Amino acid sequence: NMPPPPPPTPPFEQPNLPNYSQQTSMAEANGHTAWAKRPETFFYSVGTPISLAPDPDAEMAQRRDVVKEAMLHSWNGYKKYGWGSDEVSPMARRGKRGAAPGATIIDSMSTLKIMGCEQEFNDALNWVKSYDFKRGGKVSFFETTIRDLGGLLSAYDMTGDRTLLAKAKEVGDGLMGAFSQSPVGIPAPEVNLGSGSASAGWTGSNSLLAEMGTIQLEFR
């Protein structure tokens, strides 16, 4: 005998999404933007940072504090020896140029915000506001997309600071040059953020699957 058929799939139910149509605006909270209050963004602006929220599990709270200490150790080392550089060489104790301008600063902003490191976040924010990405020269399209563009948009989403959105647009506009010399729409591996000229990277004129795949989610 054949087993009975499985029960029918229950009808789809709309998940309980946050209500974005509330009257309170982000402008009332931090003066940056006038959109309707988004609960998850509002949390980072005026609520308790995740890293400072009470944890009933003492062991988990201790682990969380150790992770935060490790983050601050790395951040302070970078600030002391490589501030403003793309990366820092820990053994040589000096900054160096990498594949994306200011990548360490920008890539760390959302982590600093979540951890409640407001002073460190504000230091990063002030650097971003004063940096001209057009003078960043030739950069990796892939690394600059995931670290700079993504980092700026994440920090903007957490704060509502429209300066970060403007800087993200500045980076995105510069990255568009990577598509200028492509007959098939696949971006060149490297692009000059100032001139928009595209060039081959360490793979020559070949494109990596990771580079082509990431733009489907992170660049659009």
C-alpha atoms as a PDB file:
ATOM      1  CA  ASN A   1       0.000   0.000   0.000  1.00  0.00           C
ATOM      2  CA  MET A   2       1.124   3.510  -0.788  1.00  0.00           C
ATOM      3  CA  PRO A   3       1.566   5.904   2.149  1.00  0.00           C
ATOM      4  CA  PRO A   4      -1.018   8.678   2.422  1.00  0.00           C
ATOM      5  CA  PRO A   5      -0.186  11.963   0.716  1.00  0.00           C
ATOM      6  CA  PRO A   6       1.327  14.717   2.846  1.00  0.00           C
ATOM      7  CA  PRO A   7      -1.044  17.327   4.271  1.00  0.00           C
ATOM      8  CA  PRO A   8      -1.592  20.424   2.144  1.00  0.00           C
ATOM      9  CA  THR A   9       0.745  23.362   2.607  1.00  0.00           C
ATOM     10  CA  PRO A  10      -0.800  25.995   4.907  1.00  0.00           C
ATOM     11  CA  PRO A  11      -1.635  29.295   3.230  1.00  0.00           C
ATOM     12  CA  PHE A  12       1.106  31.936   3.216  1.00  0.00           C
ATOM     13  CA  GLU A  13       0.809  34.522   5.970  1.00  0.00           C
ATOM     14  CA  GLN A  14       2.387  37.937   5.728  1.00  0.00           C
ATOM     15  CA  PRO A  15       5.089  38.226   8.411  1.00  0.00           C
ATOM     16  CA  ASN A  16       4.687  40.800  11.137  1.00  0.00           C
ATOM     17  CA  LEU A  17       6.832  43.530   9.559  1.00  0.00           C
ATOM     18  CA  PRO A  18       7.683  46.810  11.340  1.00  0.00           C
ATOM     19  CA  ASN A  19       5.190  49.600  10.854  1.00  0.00           C
ATOM     20  CA  TYR A  20       6.983  52.291   8.845  1.00  0.00           C
ATOM     21  CA  SER A  21       3.991  54.614   8.717  1.00  0.00           C
ATOM     22  CA  GLN A  22       4.299  55.938  12.251  1.00  0.00           C
ATOM     23  CA  GLN A  23       3.997  59.677  12.783  1.00  0.00           C
ATOM     24  CA  THR A  24       7.266  60.065  14.678  1.00  0.00           C
ATOM     25  CA  SER A  25      10.109  60.864  12.294  1.00  0.00           C
ATOM     26  CA  MET A  26      13.834  60.291  12.460  1.00  0.00           C
ATOM     27  CA  ALA A  27      14.186  64.075  12.325  1.00  0.00           C
ATOM     28  CA  GLU A  28      12.658  64.259  15.776  1.00  0.00           C
ATOM     29  CA  ALA A  29      15.245  61.775  17.020  1.00  0.00           C
ATOM     30  CA  ASN A  30      18.520  62.934  15.512  1.00  0.00           C
ATOM     31  CA  GLY A  31      17.869  65.799  13.110  1.00  0.00           C
ATOM     32  CA  HIS A  32      19.326  64.004  10.093  1.00  0.00           C
ATOM     33  CA  THR A  33      16.382  62.983   7.951  1.00  0.00           C
ATOM     34  CA  ALA A  34      12.617  63.353   7.804  1.00  0.00           C
ATOM     35  CA  TRP A  35      11.589  59.822   6.833  1.00  0.00           C
ATOM     36  CA  ALA A  36       9.060  57.900   8.934  1.00  0.00           C
ATOM     37  CA  LYS A  37      10.620  56.295  11.958  1.00  0.00           C
ATOM     38  CA  ARG A  38      12.052  52.873  11.155  1.00  0.00           C
ATOM     39  CA  PRO A  39      12.107  50.856  14.395  1.00  0.00           C
ATOM     40  CA  GLU A  40      15.324  48.955  13.632  1.00  0.00           C
ATOM     41  CA  THR A  41      17.182  52.146  12.683  1.00  0.00           C
ATOM     42  CA  PHE A  42      15.701  54.160  15.538  1.00  0.00           C
ATOM     43  CA  PHE A  43      17.097  51.523  17.919  1.00  0.00           C
ATOM     44  CA  TYR A  44      20.676  52.378  17.012  1.00  0.00           C
ATOM     45  CA  SER A  45      20.050  56.117  17.343  1.00  0.00           C
ATOM     46  CA  VAL A  46      18.377  56.412  20.710  1.00  0.00           C
ATOM     47  CA  GLY A  47      18.118  52.885  22.101  1.00  0.00           C
ATOM     48  CA  THR A  48      20.575  50.677  23.973  1.00  0.00           C
ATOM     49  CA  PRO A  49      23.427  49.363  21.800  1.00  0.00           C
ATOM     50  CA  ILE A  50      23.370  45.602  21.504  1.00  0.00           C
ATOM     51  CA  SER A  51      26.746  45.310  23.233  1.00  0.00           C
ATOM     52  CA  LEU A  52      25.471  47.257  26.267  1.00  0.00           C
ATOM     53  CA  ALA A  53      22.119  45.511  26.643  1.00  0.00           C
ATOM     54  CA  PRO A  54      21.810  43.279  29.726  1.00  0.00           C
ATOM     55  CA  ASP A  55      22.375  39.591  29.092  1.00  0.00           C
ATOM     56  CA  PRO A  56      20.899  37.060  31.530  1.00  0.00           C
ATOM     57  CA  ASP A  57      23.566  34.555  30.488  1.00  0.00           C
ATOM     58  CA  ALA A  58      26.751  35.517  32.352  1.00  0.00           C
ATOM     59  CA  GLU A  59      28.991  33.401  30.134  1.00  0.00           C
ATOM     60  CA  MET A  60      27.594  34.927  26.943  1.00  0.00           C
ATOM     61  CA  ALA A  61      27.997  38.422  28.411  1.00  0.00           C
ATOM     62  CA  GLN A  62      31.639  37.673  29.207  1.00  0.00           C
ATOM     63  CA  ARG A  63      32.261  36.359  25.699  1.00  0.00           C
ATOM     64  CA  ARG A  64      30.638  39.460  24.254  1.00  0.00           C
ATOM     65  CA  ASP A  65      32.908  41.713  26.298  1.00  0.00           C
ATOM     66  CA  VAL A  66      36.016  39.811  25.171  1.00  0.00           C
ATOM     67  CA  VAL A  67      35.007  40.197  21.525  1.00  0.00           C
ATOM     68  CA  LYS A  68      34.504  43.925  22.057  1.00  0.00           C
ATOM     69  CA  GLU A  69      37.920  44.227  23.727  1.00  0.00           C
ATOM     70  CA  ALA A  70      39.513  42.480  20.740  1.00  0.00           C
ATOM     71  CA  MET A  71      37.779  44.868  18.366  1.00  0.00           C
ATOM     72  CA  LEU A  72      38.986  47.910  20.298  1.00  0.00           C
ATOM     73  CA  HIS A  73      42.517  46.513  20.454  1.00  0.00           C
ATOM     74  CA  SER A  74      42.569  46.186  16.673  1.00  0.00           C
ATOM     75  CA  TRP A  75      40.939  49.584  16.146  1.00  0.00           C
ATOM     76  CA  ASN A  76      43.345  51.403  18.483  1.00  0.00           C
ATOM     77  CA  GLY A  77      46.332  49.750  16.817  1.00  0.00           C
ATOM     78  CA  TYR A  78      45.120  50.865  13.411  1.00  0.00           C
ATOM     79  CA  LYS A  79      44.412  54.372  14.691  1.00  0.00           C
ATOM     80  CA  LYS A  80      47.892  54.658  16.212  1.00  0.00           C
ATOM     81  CA  TYR A  81      49.923  53.237  13.347  1.00  0.00           C
ATOM     82  CA  GLY A  82      47.844  53.536  10.173  1.00  0.00           C
ATOM     83  CA  TRP A  83      45.043  56.071  10.575  1.00  0.00           C
ATOM     84  CA  GLY A  84      43.672  57.125   7.190  1.00  0.00           C
ATOM     85  CA  SER A  85      45.451  54.319   5.350  1.00  0.00           C
ATOM     86  CA  ASP A  86      43.505  51.574   3.646  1.00  0.00           C
ATOM     87  CA  GLU A  87      45.067  48.946   5.886  1.00  0.00           C
ATOM     88  CA  VAL A  88      47.729  48.579   8.583  1.00  0.00           C
ATOM     89  CA  SER A  89      50.643  46.140   8.719  1.00  0.00           C
ATOM     90  CA  PRO A  90      50.647  44.926  12.356  1.00  0.00           C
ATOM     91  CA  MET A  91      54.235  43.657  12.347  1.00  0.00           C
ATOM     92  CA  ALA A  92      55.707  46.659  10.561  1.00  0.00           C
ATOM     93  CA  ARG A  93      53.369  49.007  12.485  1.00  0.00           C
ATOM     94  CA  ARG A  94      52.590  51.265   9.568  1.00  0.00           C
ATOM     95  CA  GLY A  95      49.726  51.923   7.223  1.00  0.00           C
ATOM     96  CA  LYS A  96      49.656  50.760   3.639  1.00  0.00           C
ATOM     97  CA  ARG A  97      47.634  51.177   0.505  1.00  0.00           C
ATOM     98  CA  GLY A  98      45.105  48.461  -0.174  1.00  0.00           C
ATOM     99  CA  ALA A  99      42.419  47.727  -2.724  1.00  0.00           C
ATOM    100  CA  ALA A 100      39.800  50.198  -1.400  1.00  0.00           C
ATOM    101  CA  PRO A 101      40.332  53.714   0.012  1.00  0.00           C
ATOM    102  CA  GLY A 102      39.948  53.953   3.787  1.00  0.00           C
ATOM    103  CA  ALA A 103      38.626  50.405   3.851  1.00  0.00           C
ATOM    104  CA  THR A 104      39.503  49.677   7.483  1.00  0.00           C
ATOM    105  CA  ILE A 105      37.726  52.789   8.752  1.00  0.00           C
ATOM    106  CA  ILE A 106      34.594  52.392   6.654  1.00  0.00           C
ATOM    107  CA  ASP A 107      34.373  48.632   7.036  1.00  0.00           C
ATOM    108  CA  SER A 108      34.450  49.001  10.828  1.00  0.00           C
ATOM    109  CA  MET A 109      31.727  51.620  11.210  1.00  0.00           C
ATOM    110  CA  SER A 110      28.711  49.329  11.515  1.00  0.00           C
ATOM    111  CA  THR A 111      30.563  47.064  13.958  1.00  0.00           C
ATOM    112  CA  LEU A 112      31.564  50.038  16.108  1.00  0.00           C
ATOM    113  CA  LYS A 113      27.972  51.278  16.119  1.00  0.00           C
ATOM    114  CA  ILE A 114      26.540  47.906  17.131  1.00  0.00           C
ATOM    115  CA  MET A 115      29.147  47.584  19.899  1.00  0.00           C
ATOM    116  CA  GLY A 116      28.246  50.981  21.305  1.00  0.00           C
ATOM    117  CA  CYS A 117      31.700  52.487  20.601  1.00  0.00           C
ATOM    118  CA  GLU A 118      30.335  55.960  19.931  1.00  0.00           C
ATOM    119  CA  GLN A 119      33.618  57.881  20.173  1.00  0.00           C
ATOM    120  CA  GLU A 120      35.351  55.517  17.764  1.00  0.00           C
ATOM    121  CA  PHE A 121      32.368  55.642  15.417  1.00  0.00           C
ATOM    122  CA  ASN A 122      32.362  59.443  15.449  1.00  0.00           C
ATOM    123  CA  ASP A 123      36.099  59.500  14.702  1.00  0.00           C
ATOM    124  CA  ALA A 124      35.428  57.322  11.661  1.00  0.00           C
ATOM    125  CA  LEU A 125      32.455  59.457  10.661  1.00  0.00           C
ATOM    126  CA  ASN A 126      34.508  62.664  10.765  1.00  0.00           C
ATOM    127  CA  TRP A 127      37.191  61.063   8.602  1.00  0.00           C
ATOM    128  CA  VAL A 128      34.628  59.945   6.024  1.00  0.00           C
ATOM    129  CA  LYS A 129      33.034  63.394   5.881  1.00  0.00           C
ATOM    130  CA  SER A 130      36.388  65.047   5.148  1.00  0.00           C
ATOM    131  CA  TYR A 131      37.664  62.484   2.622  1.00  0.00           C
ATOM    132  CA  ASP A 132      37.390  63.109  -1.119  1.00  0.00           C
ATOM    133  CA  PHE A 133      36.890  59.703  -2.726  1.00  0.00           C
ATOM    134  CA  LYS A 134      37.576  61.147  -6.166  1.00  0.00           C
ATOM    135  CA  ARG A 135      41.240  61.347  -5.245  1.00  0.00           C
ATOM    136  CA  GLY A 136      41.265  57.687  -4.285  1.00  0.00           C
ATOM    137  CA  GLY A 137      42.899  56.804  -7.602  1.00  0.00           C
ATOM    138  CA  LYS A 138      42.756  53.305  -9.046  1.00  0.00           C
ATOM    139  CA  VAL A 139      40.872  50.861  -6.836  1.00  0.00           C
ATOM    140  CA  SER A 140      39.479  47.347  -6.937  1.00  0.00           C
ATOM    141  CA  PHE A 141      35.871  47.432  -8.113  1.00  0.00           C
ATOM    142  CA  PHE A 142      35.029  44.369  -6.017  1.00  0.00           C
ATOM    143  CA  GLU A 143      36.693  45.450  -2.762  1.00  0.00           C
ATOM    144  CA  THR A 144      35.460  49.036  -2.987  1.00  0.00           C
ATOM    145  CA  THR A 145      31.914  47.837  -3.590  1.00  0.00           C
ATOM    146  CA  ILE A 146      31.738  45.445  -0.645  1.00  0.00           C
ATOM    147  CA  ARG A 147      33.796  47.473   1.832  1.00  0.00           C
ATOM    148  CA  ASP A 148      33.371  51.166   1.029  1.00  0.00           C
ATOM    149  CA  LEU A 149      29.981  51.324  -0.683  1.00  0.00           C
ATOM    150  CA  GLY A 150      28.494  48.651   1.561  1.00  0.00           C
ATOM    151  CA  GLY A 151      30.069  50.104   4.696  1.00  0.00           C
ATOM    152  CA  LEU A 152      28.789  53.603   3.992  1.00  0.00           C
ATOM    153  CA  LEU A 153      25.256  52.391   3.294  1.00  0.00           C
ATOM    154  CA  SER A 154      25.238  50.266   6.461  1.00  0.00           C
ATOM    155  CA  ALA A 155      26.394  53.214   8.572  1.00  0.00           C
ATOM    156  CA  TYR A 156      23.763  55.417   6.932  1.00  0.00           C
ATOM    157  CA  ASP A 157      21.042  52.871   7.640  1.00  0.00           C
ATOM    158  CA  MET A 158      22.019  52.841  11.314  1.00  0.00           C
ATOM    159  CA  THR A 159      22.219  56.602  11.781  1.00  0.00           C
ATOM    160  CA  GLY A 160      20.166  58.340   9.125  1.00  0.00           C
ATOM    161  CA  ASP A 161      23.089  60.730   8.553  1.00  0.00           C
ATOM    162  CA  ARG A 162      22.598  61.849   4.955  1.00  0.00           C
ATOM    163  CA  THR A 163      26.259  62.808   4.619  1.00  0.00           C
ATOM    164  CA  LEU A 164      26.997  59.087   4.580  1.00  0.00           C
ATOM    165  CA  LEU A 165      24.420  58.593   1.831  1.00  0.00           C
ATOM    166  CA  ALA A 166      26.032  61.384  -0.200  1.00  0.00           C
ATOM    167  CA  LYS A 167      29.450  59.769   0.253  1.00  0.00           C
ATOM    168  CA  ALA A 168      28.027  56.403  -0.823  1.00  0.00           C
ATOM    169  CA  LYS A 169      26.704  58.040  -3.989  1.00  0.00           C
ATOM    170  CA  GLU A 170      30.125  59.603  -4.579  1.00  0.00           C
ATOM    171  CA  VAL A 171      31.725  56.159  -4.404  1.00  0.00           C
ATOM    172  CA  GLY A 172      28.997  54.531  -6.504  1.00  0.00           C
ATOM    173  CA  ASP A 173      29.273  57.152  -9.235  1.00  0.00           C
ATOM    174  CA  GLY A 174      33.019  56.584  -9.394  1.00  0.00           C
ATOM    175  CA  LEU A 175      32.586  52.829  -9.619  1.00  0.00           C
ATOM    176  CA  MET A 176      30.256  53.151 -12.603  1.00  0.00           C
ATOM    177  CA  GLY A 177      33.320  53.748 -14.760  1.00  0.00           C
ATOM    178  CA  ALA A 178      34.135  50.042 -14.435  1.00  0.00           C
ATOM    179  CA  PHE A 179      31.260  49.318 -16.826  1.00  0.00           C
ATOM    180  CA  SER A 180      32.302  51.888 -19.435  1.00  0.00           C
ATOM    181  CA  GLN A 181      34.657  49.651 -21.405  1.00  0.00           C
ATOM    182  CA  SER A 182      32.719  46.411 -21.064  1.00  0.00           C
ATOM    183  CA  PRO A 183      30.901  45.142 -24.166  1.00  0.00           C
ATOM    184  CA  VAL A 184      28.921  42.599 -22.122  1.00  0.00           C
ATOM    185  CA  GLY A 185      28.122  44.520 -18.929  1.00  0.00           C
ATOM    186  CA  ILE A 186      30.666  42.797 -16.708  1.00  0.00           C
ATOM    187  CA  PRO A 187      32.669  45.450 -14.809  1.00  0.00           C
ATOM    188  CA  ALA A 188      36.411  45.800 -15.211  1.00  0.00           C
ATOM    189  CA  PRO A 189      38.461  44.588 -12.229  1.00  0.00           C
ATOM    190  CA  GLU A 190      39.827  48.069 -11.475  1.00  0.00           C
ATOM    191  CA  VAL A 191      38.576  51.609 -11.915  1.00  0.00           C
ATOM    192  CA  ASN A 192      39.827  55.114 -11.166  1.00  0.00           C
ATOM    193  CA  LEU A 193      37.268  56.783  -8.882  1.00  0.00           C
ATOM    194  CA  GLY A 194      38.289  60.234 -10.094  1.00  0.00           C
ATOM    195  CA  SER A 195      38.538  59.819 -13.862  1.00  0.00           C
ATOM    196  CA  GLY A 196      36.240  56.813 -14.248  1.00  0.00           C
ATOM    197  CA  SER A 197      38.799  55.019 -16.435  1.00  0.00           C
ATOM    198  CA  ALA A 198      38.707  51.232 -16.177  1.00  0.00           C
ATOM    199  CA  SER A 199      41.681  48.882 -16.272  1.00  0.00           C
ATOM    200  CA  ALA A 200      42.643  45.253 -15.877  1.00  0.00           C
ATOM    201  CA  GLY A 201      43.512  43.938 -12.415  1.00  0.00           C
ATOM    202  CA  TRP A 202      45.740  41.160 -11.160  1.00  0.00           C
ATOM    203  CA  THR A 203      43.712  38.660 -13.209  1.00  0.00           C
ATOM    204  CA  GLY A 204      44.347  40.590 -16.409  1.00  0.00           C
ATOM    205  CA  SER A 205      41.193  41.156 -18.401  1.00  0.00           C
ATOM    206  CA  ASN A 206      39.482  38.162 -16.764  1.00  0.00           C
ATOM    207  CA  SER A 207      36.664  38.606 -14.246  1.00  0.00           C
ATOM    208  CA  LEU A 208      36.241  36.465 -11.154  1.00  0.00           C
ATOM    209  CA  LEU A 209      32.957  34.747 -10.342  1.00  0.00           C
ATOM    210  CA  ALA A 210      32.920  36.445  -6.927  1.00  0.00           C
ATOM    211  CA  GLU A 211      33.187  39.864  -8.560  1.00  0.00           C
ATOM    212  CA  MET A 212      30.379  39.172 -11.024  1.00  0.00           C
ATOM    213  CA  GLY A 213      28.184  37.569  -8.381  1.00  0.00           C
ATOM    214  CA  THR A 214      28.561  40.156  -5.647  1.00  0.00           C
ATOM    215  CA  ILE A 215      27.344  43.067  -7.765  1.00  0.00           C
ATOM    216  CA  GLN A 216      24.004  41.310  -8.280  1.00  0.00           C
ATOM    217  CA  LEU A 217      23.272  41.895  -4.596  1.00  0.00           C
ATOM    218  CA  GLU A 218      25.643  44.543  -3.298  1.00  0.00           C
ATOM    219  CA  PHE A 219      26.018  47.032  -6.148  1.00  0.00           C
ATOM    220  CA  ARG A 220      22.403  47.200  -7.335  1.00  0.00           C
END
